[in-house]
């Protein structure tokens, strides 16, 4: 297979746009929770402060992951407009439709992804 079909590209485009909207919403919701924890120490106990700081740290981590993934989604959408979408950035082989369905912002084929992880 040399390229993705028009219906596959249409399906993946819709998935990328939906994912982009979901990530924007996730970032909007996580931003306030990831802000610095400010507590009135006279009214809150030590465990409550630690719990609030842990929640803030988890929200910040979620926020950073969502921002990173959004960048990849936007890069994939740009590749779609340049007709560069669906090709591995390392070996330039076509990424399978199944892989792109699972992770539409994928930049690497399975072989190269496996090599990168080792």
C-alpha atoms as a PDB file:
ATOM      1  CA  UNK A   1       0.000   0.000   0.000  1.00  0.00           C
ATOM      2  CA  UNK A   2       1.536   3.292  -1.089  1.00  0.00           C
ATOM      3  CA  UNK A   3      -0.795   5.717   0.667  1.00  0.00           C
ATOM      4  CA  UNK A   4      -3.933   6.076   2.718  1.00  0.00           C
ATOM      5  CA  UNK A   5      -7.294   6.111   0.936  1.00  0.00           C
ATOM      6  CA  UNK A   6      -9.457   9.224   0.878  1.00  0.00           C
ATOM      7  CA  UNK A   7     -11.946   7.671   3.303  1.00  0.00           C
ATOM      8  CA  UNK A   8      -9.129   6.700   5.699  1.00  0.00           C
ATOM      9  CA  UNK A   9      -7.729  10.243   5.579  1.00  0.00           C
ATOM     10  CA  UNK A  10     -11.194  11.658   6.170  1.00  0.00           C
ATOM     11  CA  UNK A  11     -11.684   9.385   9.178  1.00  0.00           C
ATOM     12  CA  UNK A  12      -8.267  10.238  10.619  1.00  0.00           C
ATOM     13  CA  UNK A  13      -8.817  13.969  10.045  1.00  0.00           C
ATOM     14  CA  UNK A  14     -12.058  13.791  12.012  1.00  0.00           C
ATOM     15  CA  UNK A  15     -10.278  11.856  14.788  1.00  0.00           C
ATOM     16  CA  UNK A  16      -7.476  14.439  14.955  1.00  0.00           C
ATOM     17  CA  UNK A  17      -9.921  17.359  15.114  1.00  0.00           C
ATOM     18  CA  UNK A  18     -11.967  15.657  17.838  1.00  0.00           C
ATOM     19  CA  UNK A  19      -8.785  14.855  19.773  1.00  0.00           C
ATOM     20  CA  UNK A  20      -7.642  18.465  19.417  1.00  0.00           C
ATOM     21  CA  UNK A  21     -10.952  19.730  20.827  1.00  0.00           C
ATOM     22  CA  UNK A  22     -10.789  17.224  23.700  1.00  0.00           C
ATOM     23  CA  UNK A  23      -7.222  18.226  24.565  1.00  0.00           C
ATOM     24  CA  UNK A  24      -8.098  21.937  24.480  1.00  0.00           C
ATOM     25  CA  UNK A  25     -10.949  21.232  26.916  1.00  0.00           C
ATOM     26  CA  UNK A  26      -8.679  19.121  29.139  1.00  0.00           C
ATOM     27  CA  UNK A  27      -6.069  21.903  29.222  1.00  0.00           C
ATOM     28  CA  UNK A  28      -8.714  24.473  30.081  1.00  0.00           C
ATOM     29  CA  UNK A  29      -9.998  22.335  32.961  1.00  0.00           C
ATOM     30  CA  UNK A  30      -6.566  21.366  34.280  1.00  0.00           C
ATOM     31  CA  UNK A  31      -5.033  24.851  34.213  1.00  0.00           C
ATOM     32  CA  UNK A  32      -6.696  26.195  37.383  1.00  0.00           C
ATOM     33  CA  UNK A  33      -6.025  22.959  39.285  1.00  0.00           C
ATOM     34  CA  UNK A  34      -2.344  23.072  38.304  1.00  0.00           C
ATOM     35  CA  UNK A  35      -1.790  26.569  39.654  1.00  0.00           C
ATOM     36  CA  UNK A  36       0.207  27.182  42.834  1.00  0.00           C
ATOM     37  CA  UNK A  37      -1.432  25.938  46.018  1.00  0.00           C
ATOM     38  CA  UNK A  38      -2.167  28.764  48.457  1.00  0.00           C
ATOM     39  CA  UNK A  39      -3.619  27.713  51.787  1.00  0.00           C
ATOM     40  CA  UNK A  40      -4.452  29.515  54.996  1.00  0.00           C
ATOM     41  CA  UNK A  41      -2.145  27.558  57.295  1.00  0.00           C
ATOM     42  CA  UNK A  42      -4.047  28.562  60.397  1.00  0.00           C
ATOM     43  CA  UNK A  43      -7.179  26.798  59.092  1.00  0.00           C
ATOM     44  CA  UNK A  44      -5.710  23.808  57.265  1.00  0.00           C
ATOM     45  CA  UNK A  45      -3.748  20.937  58.775  1.00  0.00           C
ATOM     46  CA  UNK A  46      -0.447  19.536  57.554  1.00  0.00           C
ATOM     47  CA  UNK A  47      -2.059  16.528  55.835  1.00  0.00           C
ATOM     48  CA  UNK A  48      -4.544  18.759  54.011  1.00  0.00           C
ATOM     49  CA  UNK A  49      -1.684  20.907  52.701  1.00  0.00           C
ATOM     50  CA  UNK A  50       0.217  17.824  51.539  1.00  0.00           C
ATOM     51  CA  UNK A  51      -2.917  16.464  49.884  1.00  0.00           C
ATOM     52  CA  UNK A  52      -3.545  19.785  48.103  1.00  0.00           C
ATOM     53  CA  UNK A  53       0.074  19.899  46.906  1.00  0.00           C
ATOM     54  CA  UNK A  54      -0.153  16.323  45.627  1.00  0.00           C
ATOM     55  CA  UNK A  55      -3.363  17.142  43.707  1.00  0.00           C
ATOM     56  CA  UNK A  56      -1.681  20.237  42.255  1.00  0.00           C
ATOM     57  CA  UNK A  57       1.317  18.160  41.145  1.00  0.00           C
ATOM     58  CA  UNK A  58      -0.910  15.551  39.470  1.00  0.00           C
ATOM     59  CA  UNK A  59      -2.935  18.264  37.718  1.00  0.00           C
ATOM     60  CA  UNK A  60       0.263  19.919  36.497  1.00  0.00           C
ATOM     61  CA  UNK A  61       1.540  16.607  35.137  1.00  0.00           C
ATOM     62  CA  UNK A  62      -1.767  16.004  33.345  1.00  0.00           C
ATOM     63  CA  UNK A  63      -1.658  19.529  31.945  1.00  0.00           C
ATOM     64  CA  UNK A  64       1.885  19.097  30.594  1.00  0.00           C
ATOM     65  CA  UNK A  65       1.025  15.755  28.970  1.00  0.00           C
ATOM     66  CA  UNK A  66      -2.074  17.247  27.335  1.00  0.00           C
ATOM     67  CA  UNK A  67      -0.049  20.191  25.999  1.00  0.00           C
ATOM     68  CA  UNK A  68       2.596  17.832  24.568  1.00  0.00           C
ATOM     69  CA  UNK A  69       0.015  15.637  22.892  1.00  0.00           C
ATOM     70  CA  UNK A  70      -1.798  18.699  21.514  1.00  0.00           C
ATOM     71  CA  UNK A  71       1.439  19.790  19.836  1.00  0.00           C
ATOM     72  CA  UNK A  72       1.696  16.384  18.159  1.00  0.00           C
ATOM     73  CA  UNK A  73      -1.946  16.576  17.048  1.00  0.00           C
ATOM     74  CA  UNK A  74      -1.411  20.042  15.583  1.00  0.00           C
ATOM     75  CA  UNK A  75       1.723  18.800  13.804  1.00  0.00           C
ATOM     76  CA  UNK A  76      -0.290  15.907  12.338  1.00  0.00           C
ATOM     77  CA  UNK A  77      -3.027  18.300  11.174  1.00  0.00           C
ATOM     78  CA  UNK A  78      -0.362  20.433   9.476  1.00  0.00           C
ATOM     79  CA  UNK A  79       1.031  17.336   7.789  1.00  0.00           C
ATOM     80  CA  UNK A  80      -2.452  16.553   6.486  1.00  0.00           C
ATOM     81  CA  UNK A  81      -2.636  19.903   4.753  1.00  0.00           C
ATOM     82  CA  UNK A  82       0.838  19.313   3.251  1.00  0.00           C
ATOM     83  CA  UNK A  83      -0.111  15.762   2.197  1.00  0.00           C
ATOM     84  CA  UNK A  84       2.772  14.494   4.342  1.00  0.00           C
ATOM     85  CA  UNK A  85       0.575  12.742   6.901  1.00  0.00           C
ATOM     86  CA  UNK A  86       0.909   9.051   7.699  1.00  0.00           C
ATOM     87  CA  UNK A  87       4.585   8.565   6.918  1.00  0.00           C
ATOM     88  CA  UNK A  88       7.236   7.623   9.467  1.00  0.00           C
ATOM     89  CA  UNK A  89       9.583  10.485  10.266  1.00  0.00           C
ATOM     90  CA  UNK A  90      12.587   8.144  10.454  1.00  0.00           C
ATOM     91  CA  UNK A  91      12.230   5.629   7.626  1.00  0.00           C
ATOM     92  CA  UNK A  92       9.606   7.437   5.503  1.00  0.00           C
ATOM     93  CA  UNK A  93       7.493   4.272   5.257  1.00  0.00           C
ATOM     94  CA  UNK A  94       3.713   4.451   5.526  1.00  0.00           C
ATOM     95  CA  UNK A  95       2.375   4.066   9.074  1.00  0.00           C
ATOM     96  CA  UNK A  96      -0.405   1.486   9.037  1.00  0.00           C
ATOM     97  CA  UNK A  97      -3.992   2.675   9.181  1.00  0.00           C
ATOM     98  CA  UNK A  98      -4.554   0.569  12.308  1.00  0.00           C
ATOM     99  CA  UNK A  99      -1.733   2.355  14.135  1.00  0.00           C
ATOM    100  CA  UNK A 100      -3.042   5.739  13.035  1.00  0.00           C
ATOM    101  CA  UNK A 101      -6.547   4.815  14.199  1.00  0.00           C
ATOM    102  CA  UNK A 102      -5.154   3.997  17.640  1.00  0.00           C
ATOM    103  CA  UNK A 103      -2.899   7.051  17.786  1.00  0.00           C
ATOM    104  CA  UNK A 104      -3.716   9.478  14.946  1.00  0.00           C
ATOM    105  CA  UNK A 105      -0.831  11.777  15.875  1.00  0.00           C
ATOM    106  CA  UNK A 106       1.738   8.964  15.522  1.00  0.00           C
ATOM    107  CA  UNK A 107       5.008  10.089  13.976  1.00  0.00           C
ATOM    108  CA  UNK A 108       6.751   6.729  13.709  1.00  0.00           C
ATOM    109  CA  UNK A 109       5.908   3.314  12.282  1.00  0.00           C
ATOM    110  CA  UNK A 110       5.829   0.368  14.676  1.00  0.00           C
ATOM    111  CA  UNK A 111       9.324  -0.779  13.749  1.00  0.00           C
ATOM    112  CA  UNK A 112      10.935   2.619  14.339  1.00  0.00           C
ATOM    113  CA  UNK A 113       8.855   3.230  17.464  1.00  0.00           C
ATOM    114  CA  UNK A 114      10.049  -0.081  18.904  1.00  0.00           C
ATOM    115  CA  UNK A 115      13.654   0.808  18.123  1.00  0.00           C
ATOM    116  CA  UNK A 116      13.230   4.230  19.776  1.00  0.00           C
ATOM    117  CA  UNK A 117      11.847   2.642  22.951  1.00  0.00           C
ATOM    118  CA  UNK A 118      14.810   0.258  23.320  1.00  0.00           C
END
